[in-house]
Amino acid sequence: MQTPCAAYEEIGLKKQGQYQQLNTNILQIENEYYASVRPKSNVIFRQETL
Protein backbone atom coordinates (compact mmCIF):
# COMPACT_ATOMS: atom_id res chain seq x y z
CA MET A 1 0.00 0.00 0.00
CA GLN A 2 2.93 2.35 0.51
CA THR A 3 5.37 1.23 -2.18
CA PRO A 4 6.32 4.27 -4.26
CA CYS A 5 6.28 4.10 -8.05
CA ALA A 6 8.82 6.20 -9.95
CA ALA A 7 6.49 6.69 -12.93
CA TYR A 8 3.68 7.96 -10.68
CA GLU A 9 6.09 10.20 -8.78
CA GLU A 10 7.11 11.70 -12.13
CA ILE A 11 3.46 12.62 -12.82
CA GLY A 12 3.14 14.17 -9.38
CA LEU A 13 0.09 14.53 -7.17
CA LYS A 14 -1.08 17.94 -8.35
CA LYS A 15 -0.84 20.00 -11.51
CA GLN A 16 -1.81 23.67 -11.25
CA GLY A 17 -3.48 22.96 -7.90
CA GLN A 18 -5.61 20.08 -9.25
CA TYR A 19 -5.07 16.48 -8.14
CA GLN A 20 -3.86 14.20 -10.94
CA GLN A 21 -3.93 11.02 -8.84
CA LEU A 22 -4.64 9.86 -5.30
CA ASN A 23 -1.00 9.22 -4.38
CA THR A 24 2.33 8.20 -5.94
CA ASN A 25 2.25 4.58 -4.78
CA ILE A 26 1.90 1.45 -6.92
CA LEU A 27 -1.53 0.81 -5.41
CA GLN A 28 -3.76 3.87 -5.50
CA ILE A 29 -6.63 2.43 -3.42
CA GLU A 30 -7.02 -0.53 -1.07
CA ASN A 31 -9.42 -2.31 -3.45
CA GLU A 32 -6.60 -2.79 -5.98
CA TYR A 33 -4.73 -4.90 -3.41
CA TYR A 34 -7.60 -7.35 -3.07
CA ALA A 35 -8.83 -7.27 -6.68
CA SER A 36 -6.85 -10.34 -7.78
CA VAL A 37 -8.20 -12.58 -5.00
CA ARG A 38 -11.74 -11.25 -4.77
CA PRO A 39 -14.12 -13.71 -6.42
CA LYS A 40 -15.94 -12.29 -9.40
CA SER A 41 -19.45 -13.40 -10.30
CA ASN A 42 -20.29 -14.60 -13.77
CA VAL A 43 -23.63 -13.07 -14.61
CA ILE A 44 -25.77 -15.15 -16.95
CA PHE A 45 -28.47 -13.38 -18.92
CA ARG A 46 -31.69 -13.13 -16.87
CA GLN A 47 -30.14 -14.93 -13.89
CA GLU A 48 -30.92 -13.42 -10.51
CA THR A 49 -28.40 -13.41 -7.67
CA LEU A 50 -29.34 -14.50 -4.17
PDB file of N, CA and C in Angstrom:
ATOM      1  N   MET A   1       0.811  -1.194   0.000  1.00  0.00           N
ATOM      2  CA  MET A   1       0.000   0.000   0.000  1.00  0.00           C
ATOM      3  C   MET A   1       0.858   1.264   0.000  1.00  0.00           C
ATOM      4  N   GLN A   2       2.104   1.138   0.425  1.00  0.00           N
ATOM      5  CA  GLN A   2       2.926   2.348   0.505  1.00  0.00           C
ATOM      6  C   GLN A   2       4.214   2.228  -0.296  1.00  0.00           C
ATOM      7  N   THR A   3       4.204   1.376  -1.333  1.00  0.00           N
ATOM      8  CA  THR A   3       5.375   1.226  -2.178  1.00  0.00           C
ATOM      9  C   THR A   3       5.346   2.292  -3.267  1.00  0.00           C
ATOM     10  N   PRO A   4       6.323   3.196  -3.264  1.00  0.00           N
ATOM     11  CA  PRO A   4       6.316   4.272  -4.257  1.00  0.00           C
ATOM     12  C   PRO A   4       6.585   3.747  -5.670  1.00  0.00           C
ATOM     13  N   CYS A   5       6.078   4.440  -6.644  1.00  0.00           N
ATOM     14  CA  CYS A   5       6.277   4.104  -8.054  1.00  0.00           C
ATOM     15  C   CYS A   5       6.925   5.313  -8.738  1.00  0.00           C
ATOM     16  N   ALA A   6       8.080   5.098  -9.330  1.00  0.00           N
ATOM     17  CA  ALA A   6       8.818   6.204  -9.951  1.00  0.00           C
ATOM     18  C   ALA A   6       8.009   6.891 -11.052  1.00  0.00           C
ATOM     19  N   ALA A   7       7.287   6.108 -11.845  1.00  0.00           N
ATOM     20  CA  ALA A   7       6.488   6.693 -12.935  1.00  0.00           C
ATOM     21  C   ALA A   7       5.382   7.584 -12.386  1.00  0.00           C
ATOM     22  N   TYR A   8       4.745   7.156 -11.282  1.00  0.00           N
ATOM     23  CA  TYR A   8       3.677   7.959 -10.676  1.00  0.00           C
ATOM     24  C   TYR A   8       4.246   9.194  -9.986  1.00  0.00           C
ATOM     25  N   GLU A   9       5.449   9.050  -9.417  1.00  0.00           N
ATOM     26  CA  GLU A   9       6.091  10.202  -8.784  1.00  0.00           C
ATOM     27  C   GLU A   9       6.438  11.255  -9.831  1.00  0.00           C
ATOM     28  N   GLU A  10       6.789  10.790 -11.041  1.00  0.00           N
ATOM     29  CA  GLU A  10       7.109  11.702 -12.134  1.00  0.00           C
ATOM     30  C   GLU A  10       5.881  12.538 -12.531  1.00  0.00           C
ATOM     31  N   ILE A  11       4.706  11.912 -12.505  1.00  0.00           N
ATOM     32  CA  ILE A  11       3.456  12.622 -12.819  1.00  0.00           C
ATOM     33  C   ILE A  11       3.163  13.660 -11.752  1.00  0.00           C
ATOM     34  N   GLY A  12       3.413  13.273 -10.501  1.00  0.00           N
ATOM     35  CA  GLY A  12       3.138  14.171  -9.383  1.00  0.00           C
ATOM     36  C   GLY A  12       1.696  14.064  -8.922  1.00  0.00           C
ATOM     37  N   LEU A  13       1.445  14.579  -7.723  1.00  0.00           N
ATOM     38  CA  LEU A  13       0.092  14.535  -7.170  1.00  0.00           C
ATOM     39  C   LEU A  13      -0.803  15.615  -7.755  1.00  0.00           C
ATOM     40  N   LYS A  14      -0.268  16.808  -7.888  1.00  0.00           N
ATOM     41  CA  LYS A  14      -1.075  17.943  -8.345  1.00  0.00           C
ATOM     42  C   LYS A  14      -0.433  18.616  -9.552  1.00  0.00           C
ATOM     43  N   LYS A  15      -1.283  19.186 -10.380  1.00  0.00           N
ATOM     44  CA  LYS A  15      -0.839  20.000 -11.509  1.00  0.00           C
ATOM     45  C   LYS A  15      -1.711  21.243 -11.507  1.00  0.00           C
ATOM     46  N   GLN A  16      -1.101  22.387 -11.334  1.00  0.00           N
ATOM     47  CA  GLN A  16      -1.807  23.669 -11.248  1.00  0.00           C
ATOM     48  C   GLN A  16      -2.900  23.633 -10.174  1.00  0.00           C
ATOM     49  N   GLY A  17      -2.561  23.005  -9.038  1.00  0.00           N
ATOM     50  CA  GLY A  17      -3.477  22.961  -7.905  1.00  0.00           C
ATOM     51  C   GLY A  17      -4.552  21.894  -7.982  1.00  0.00           C
ATOM     52  N   GLN A  18      -4.604  21.127  -9.077  1.00  0.00           N
ATOM     53  CA  GLN A  18      -5.609  20.076  -9.248  1.00  0.00           C
ATOM     54  C   GLN A  18      -4.949  18.705  -9.086  1.00  0.00           C
ATOM     55  N   TYR A  19      -5.605  17.823  -8.319  1.00  0.00           N
ATOM     56  CA  TYR A  19      -5.074  16.477  -8.137  1.00  0.00           C
ATOM     57  C   TYR A  19      -5.092  15.708  -9.458  1.00  0.00           C
ATOM     58  N   GLN A  20      -3.980  15.043  -9.755  1.00  0.00           N
ATOM     59  CA  GLN A  20      -3.857  14.196 -10.937  1.00  0.00           C
ATOM     60  C   GLN A  20      -4.068  12.727 -10.581  1.00  0.00           C
ATOM     61  N   GLN A  21      -3.798  12.390  -9.324  1.00  0.00           N
ATOM     62  CA  GLN A  21      -3.927  11.023  -8.840  1.00  0.00           C
ATOM     63  C   GLN A  21      -4.052  11.056  -7.327  1.00  0.00           C
ATOM     64  N   LEU A  22      -4.422   9.912  -6.745  1.00  0.00           N
ATOM     65  CA  LEU A  22      -4.638   9.856  -5.299  1.00  0.00           C
ATOM     66  C   LEU A  22      -3.334   9.912  -4.515  1.00  0.00           C
ATOM     67  N   ASN A  23      -2.309   9.230  -5.012  1.00  0.00           N
ATOM     68  CA  ASN A  23      -0.995   9.219  -4.382  1.00  0.00           C
ATOM     69  C   ASN A  23       0.025   8.751  -5.408  1.00  0.00           C
ATOM     70  N   THR A  24       1.276   8.612  -5.008  1.00  0.00           N
ATOM     71  CA  THR A  24       2.329   8.196  -5.940  1.00  0.00           C
ATOM     72  C   THR A  24       2.764   6.758  -5.709  1.00  0.00           C
ATOM     73  N   ASN A  25       1.928   5.976  -5.072  1.00  0.00           N
ATOM     74  CA  ASN A  25       2.252   4.579  -4.784  1.00  0.00           C
ATOM     75  C   ASN A  25       1.755   3.661  -5.896  1.00  0.00           C
ATOM     76  N   ILE A  26       2.305   2.434  -5.918  1.00  0.00           N
ATOM     77  CA  ILE A  26       1.902   1.449  -6.920  1.00  0.00           C
ATOM     78  C   ILE A  26       0.404   1.196  -6.831  1.00  0.00           C
ATOM     79  N   LEU A  27      -0.104   0.988  -5.615  1.00  0.00           N
ATOM     80  CA  LEU A  27      -1.534   0.809  -5.410  1.00  0.00           C
ATOM     81  C   LEU A  27      -2.135   2.154  -5.036  1.00  0.00           C
ATOM     82  N   GLN A  28      -3.133   2.583  -5.772  1.00  0.00           N
ATOM     83  CA  GLN A  28      -3.760   3.870  -5.505  1.00  0.00           C
ATOM     84  C   GLN A  28      -4.830   3.754  -4.425  1.00  0.00           C
ATOM     85  N   ILE A  29      -5.569   2.636  -4.420  1.00  0.00           N
ATOM     86  CA  ILE A  29      -6.625   2.430  -3.424  1.00  0.00           C
ATOM     87  C   ILE A  29      -6.551   1.003  -2.899  1.00  0.00           C
ATOM     88  N   GLU A  30      -7.074   0.774  -1.724  1.00  0.00           N
ATOM     89  CA  GLU A  30      -7.020  -0.532  -1.070  1.00  0.00           C
ATOM     90  C   GLU A  30      -7.669  -1.623  -1.910  1.00  0.00           C
ATOM     91  N   ASN A  31      -8.723  -1.308  -2.641  1.00  0.00           N
ATOM     92  CA  ASN A  31      -9.419  -2.314  -3.446  1.00  0.00           C
ATOM     93  C   ASN A  31      -8.510  -2.951  -4.488  1.00  0.00           C
ATOM     94  N   GLU A  32      -7.521  -2.228  -4.989  1.00  0.00           N
ATOM     95  CA  GLU A  32      -6.600  -2.785  -5.975  1.00  0.00           C
ATOM     96  C   GLU A  32      -5.778  -3.920  -5.370  1.00  0.00           C
ATOM     97  N   TYR A  33      -5.505  -3.862  -4.084  1.00  0.00           N
ATOM     98  CA  TYR A  33      -4.729  -4.904  -3.411  1.00  0.00           C
ATOM     99  C   TYR A  33      -5.486  -6.219  -3.405  1.00  0.00           C
ATOM    100  N   TYR A  34      -6.785  -6.152  -3.182  1.00  0.00           N
ATOM    101  CA  TYR A  34      -7.600  -7.353  -3.067  1.00  0.00           C
ATOM    102  C   TYR A  34      -8.245  -7.773  -4.376  1.00  0.00           C
ATOM    103  N   ALA A  35      -8.137  -7.004  -5.416  1.00  0.00           N
ATOM    104  CA  ALA A  35      -8.831  -7.273  -6.680  1.00  0.00           C
ATOM    105  C   ALA A  35      -8.478  -8.627  -7.278  1.00  0.00           C
ATOM    106  N   SER A  36      -7.240  -9.072  -7.156  1.00  0.00           N
ATOM    107  CA  SER A  36      -6.847 -10.335  -7.784  1.00  0.00           C
ATOM    108  C   SER A  36      -7.376 -11.556  -7.044  1.00  0.00           C
ATOM    109  N   VAL A  37      -7.707 -11.437  -5.769  1.00  0.00           N
ATOM    110  CA  VAL A  37      -8.202 -12.581  -5.004  1.00  0.00           C
ATOM    111  C   VAL A  37      -9.697 -12.515  -4.727  1.00  0.00           C
ATOM    112  N   ARG A  38     -10.310 -11.395  -5.009  1.00  0.00           N
ATOM    113  CA  ARG A  38     -11.744 -11.252  -4.771  1.00  0.00           C
ATOM    114  C   ARG A  38     -12.501 -12.031  -5.839  1.00  0.00           C
ATOM    115  N   PRO A  39     -13.369 -12.946  -5.421  1.00  0.00           N
ATOM    116  CA  PRO A  39     -14.121 -13.708  -6.424  1.00  0.00           C
ATOM    117  C   PRO A  39     -15.043 -12.802  -7.234  1.00  0.00           C
ATOM    118  N   LYS A  40     -15.074 -13.051  -8.511  1.00  0.00           N
ATOM    119  CA  LYS A  40     -15.943 -12.291  -9.403  1.00  0.00           C
ATOM    120  C   LYS A  40     -17.114 -13.188  -9.804  1.00  0.00           C
ATOM    121  N   SER A  41     -18.287 -12.618  -9.892  1.00  0.00           N
ATOM    122  CA  SER A  41     -19.449 -13.404 -10.297  1.00  0.00           C
ATOM    123  C   SER A  41     -19.579 -13.379 -11.810  1.00  0.00           C
ATOM    124  N   ASN A  42     -19.994 -14.514 -12.351  1.00  0.00           N
ATOM    125  CA  ASN A  42     -20.295 -14.603 -13.772  1.00  0.00           C
ATOM    126  C   ASN A  42     -21.795 -14.450 -13.918  1.00  0.00           C
ATOM    127  N   VAL A  43     -22.210 -13.351 -14.473  1.00  0.00           N
ATOM    128  CA  VAL A  43     -23.634 -13.072 -14.612  1.00  0.00           C
ATOM    129  C   VAL A  43     -24.135 -13.677 -15.915  1.00  0.00           C
ATOM    130  N   ILE A  44     -25.137 -14.537 -15.792  1.00  0.00           N
ATOM    131  CA  ILE A  44     -25.768 -15.151 -16.952  1.00  0.00           C
ATOM    132  C   ILE A  44     -27.034 -14.354 -17.256  1.00  0.00           C
ATOM    133  N   PHE A  45     -27.316 -14.162 -18.503  1.00  0.00           N
ATOM    134  CA  PHE A  45     -28.471 -13.378 -18.922  1.00  0.00           C
ATOM    135  C   PHE A  45     -29.726 -13.849 -18.208  1.00  0.00           C
ATOM    136  N   ARG A  46     -30.430 -12.917 -17.587  1.00  0.00           N
ATOM    137  CA  ARG A  46     -31.687 -13.128 -16.869  1.00  0.00           C
ATOM    138  C   ARG A  46     -31.541 -14.012 -15.631  1.00  0.00           C
ATOM    139  N   GLN A  47     -30.347 -14.168 -15.119  1.00  0.00           N
ATOM    140  CA  GLN A  47     -30.138 -14.928 -13.889  1.00  0.00           C
ATOM    141  C   GLN A  47     -30.130 -13.952 -12.726  1.00  0.00           C
ATOM    142  N   GLU A  48     -30.860 -14.275 -11.687  1.00  0.00           N
ATOM    143  CA  GLU A  48     -30.917 -13.422 -10.507  1.00  0.00           C
ATOM    144  C   GLU A  48     -29.947 -13.938  -9.455  1.00  0.00           C
ATOM    145  N   THR A  49     -29.302 -13.016  -8.753  1.00  0.00           N
ATOM    146  CA  THR A  49     -28.403 -13.406  -7.674  1.00  0.00           C
ATOM    147  C   THR A  49     -29.186 -13.517  -6.376  1.00  0.00           C
ATOM    148  N   LEU A  50     -28.675 -14.319  -5.464  1.00  0.00           N
ATOM    149  CA  LEU A  50     -29.344 -14.496  -4.171  1.00  0.00           C
ATOM    150  C   LEU A  50     -29.056 -13.363  -3.245  1.00  0.00           C
TER     151      LEU A  50
END
